[in-house]
Amino acid sequence: MSGWASSHYGGLQFSKLVLVSAKLIGNIPGIEGLLAVLTSQNYTLGVLEVALHHIRFALPHPLPPFQPGREYPPMSDAIRGAAICAKELLHTIMLVCPPQTPLKKATQDMLMKHLDDILDCQNFLLWYPDASNVPPGQSIANPAKACVAFIELIRNGDAPARAALLSSEKLIDFAIGAWALRASDDYPYITMSHGKERCPIATLLLEVLHYSPDNKQRAFDILCGHSRTSRFLRKRAIDNAIARYEEFANNDRNTLESTMRAQQAMIARINPEAYDTPISGLDTALLYLDSVTRVVSVLCEDPILARDILESGVFDAFCETLKHWMVYQSDREADRQDRYLGFQLLSLAQSIVQYYYVVFRKLCVAVHLGMAESGLFLVLVEGLQSVPKRDLNSKHLSDVLERLKYLCKVSPSAAGMLEEPLVRARGKEYWDTSFLRGSGYDKAWKLLCRDIRAGATLSTQKQPLICDNLNCPGDRKNEKRRTCGRCHTMVYCSKSCQAADWELQHQAECHLAKEADEGGRHSGIMQYRQALRLSQATFANRLANLIFREDNLTLDPSGQNAILGLFDDGYSTYSPSDFLVRHGYVAPSVDTQAPLGVTMNLTSNHYLDKRFQRLALHYGLHGKDQDLRLVEATFVFGRRPVAVLALLQKSSRCDPAEDSPANRYTLRYCVTRILSRRI
């Protein structure tokens, strides 16, 4: 035992000769020799003093700030020694230092005393290239071990140390830089830690961003500025998220399990008391994806970053990777518990996209369709078959189904585009629920498939032209549309129809419609266009035809033609008078001779209420005689619901191969209104 001496804190100290040799600037063999024999039994503060000596005195002063494209000289032995100490040695110190001991407290105090020097060194070395021909995972430029050291200090340090570290702007700079950094092969550093979080780089960034709103705002300022550095970091941060997903899409569970076992053995060598947990390749992959996805989620809180992320293909890469692991690298029974996280991640990714439907409607619809093309339905079907609805973890799958139905409400034309990926996942008869085997999702799946089938007809069948004259006499499919020149909210098929509607009702409402339209235009919010109005009304028409045909629905309760109401959980029928009273358009009448038993002379709250009243009354009085159907539906525009009341008329031109004359109806007239309440 000569050469070692008892430590004041317990354990064995290194001989002075070992520490003095390692402390020499540029003495790489001395530092590597110290690392080779360092364990939890022989760690002392002298080892930390060696690391801090290199960090403080081996680098040039002042340290130059980072600039994209900067040319760095070849790494000298002094700089390489500082890099080994700042990354390898600090990482090992944090792993071997015995917890809950005076030595741990003394180590923390010394680190916090020199925190600025450590962070300056880390930020300088972060962008210094490593010219050695070693794999990226073993490169001294890899920031993962430095991230682990900071995470250990955050998790195990006392409250003042944690606050000082997490509130440091230099740590924010380091965390963002580590996420945006790429190796010599132009690929981000992919490193897993043997702990709850598999990606130390993502974990550190999340710790920093979640600590305070000020931290998050500084990160957004760094990434969203107009400088060359900000643009560089923003692009790199997004591209690296995609690359991290793609890396795991090209991996398999056996390879990951081998990597994690090797890391477990390395940790056990330097700290025999470290945790030893069972290793699962699927669990490793999903926890890594969880870390990356949560970083993406936080970055998407800024609208500028969110737009760039939505445009970049991040969510397509996410779905491809999730499909790879949930469908091809897992077993429904053996991996039941691990797979729950995958379904939760799918729901999280969907929620990020859905949040920005208000601001980037078309972009978010395109992203959602891209997710469907990249494997969303395959993962969803796996979940529906393996997690019954009675399971507490089924909520995430129900949310995925609801968001797909929400997509159909936001963009009916997009609903039809979901059909092709759904056919690839379930076959041509994708609406068949036999594959669910009583899991409890039968009704939700049937409703979603019905929406998709209705949407598919929007692109294959020609849409009719809306005419806002309720008494329009004829077929308007080939007529040119005319729009009211004052309010731009009403459309007609001919000049005569425009004149007739002006006399009937539009003269009284035109100025109100103009004020509402101009208010929307000047506020900068999205405009509800006639093309979307037509798409929503036609979608309600096609969905109603499916119900008439498949459910043999007749609309004649109590001697009246009933209205078909399309809702999230199915459909129902009710009389026109019930519709008018329920929505507050009219009140019940004591006059038995009143039309439909309601009073029609109440003051309206909105200029379109009169059109809803008139349409419901017209249908109640003339629906049977003119062979009409009335459909009520609700869609979404921004964060507001859109009420649609569509009048359908039996078509004389139907396809006998698909429909019979008894249940084929086409759109004749509709009223739409954006409601004031928010979703």
Foldseek 3Di string as FASTA:
>chain_A
DPQWDADPFAAIEGHPVLLVQLLDQLNVVSVVVCLVPAFLRHDAVSLVVSLVSLLQPLDDPPQDADDPPDDDDADGSSLLSNLCSLFVVLLLCLLNHDAPTVRVVVSLVVCLVCVVSSLSSLNRLLPPAHPDPDPPQPTSNQCQRNLNSVVSCLVRPDDVSNVVQLPDPSLLSNLLSLLLDDHPVRAHDQAADPDLATGSSLVSNCSNCPPDVVSLVSNCCQCVPPDPNNVSSLVSNLVNLLRNLVVLLPDAQVVQQVVSVVNVVVSCVRYVPDDDDDDTSLLSSLSNLVSSLVSLLSLLVDVVSVVVNLVPCSLLSNLLSLCSCQPPHDDLPVCVPSCLSSLLSLLVVLVSLVVCCFPCVVSSLVSVLSSLVSHPVLNLLSCLQRAFPVDPSCVSSVSVLLSLVQSCQSAVLSLQSSQVSLCVRQNPVSLDPVSSVPSHCNQSSNVSVLSSVLSVVPVVDQFADAAAQPPDPDGQRPADWDAPPQLRPGIHRDPVSVVNVCVVACVVCRVVSNVVQVVCVVVPGDDDDPVRVSSNLSSQQSSQLVCCVPVVDAQAPPNWRWAWEQDSRGIDTDALVCVCVVVVLWAAAPDPPDQVRTDRPDDDPHSCSNVSVVVSSCCRVCCVVQVKYWYWYWGDHNFWIKTKIWIWGQDPDDDVVPDDSVRRTHTHHMGIDTDPDGD
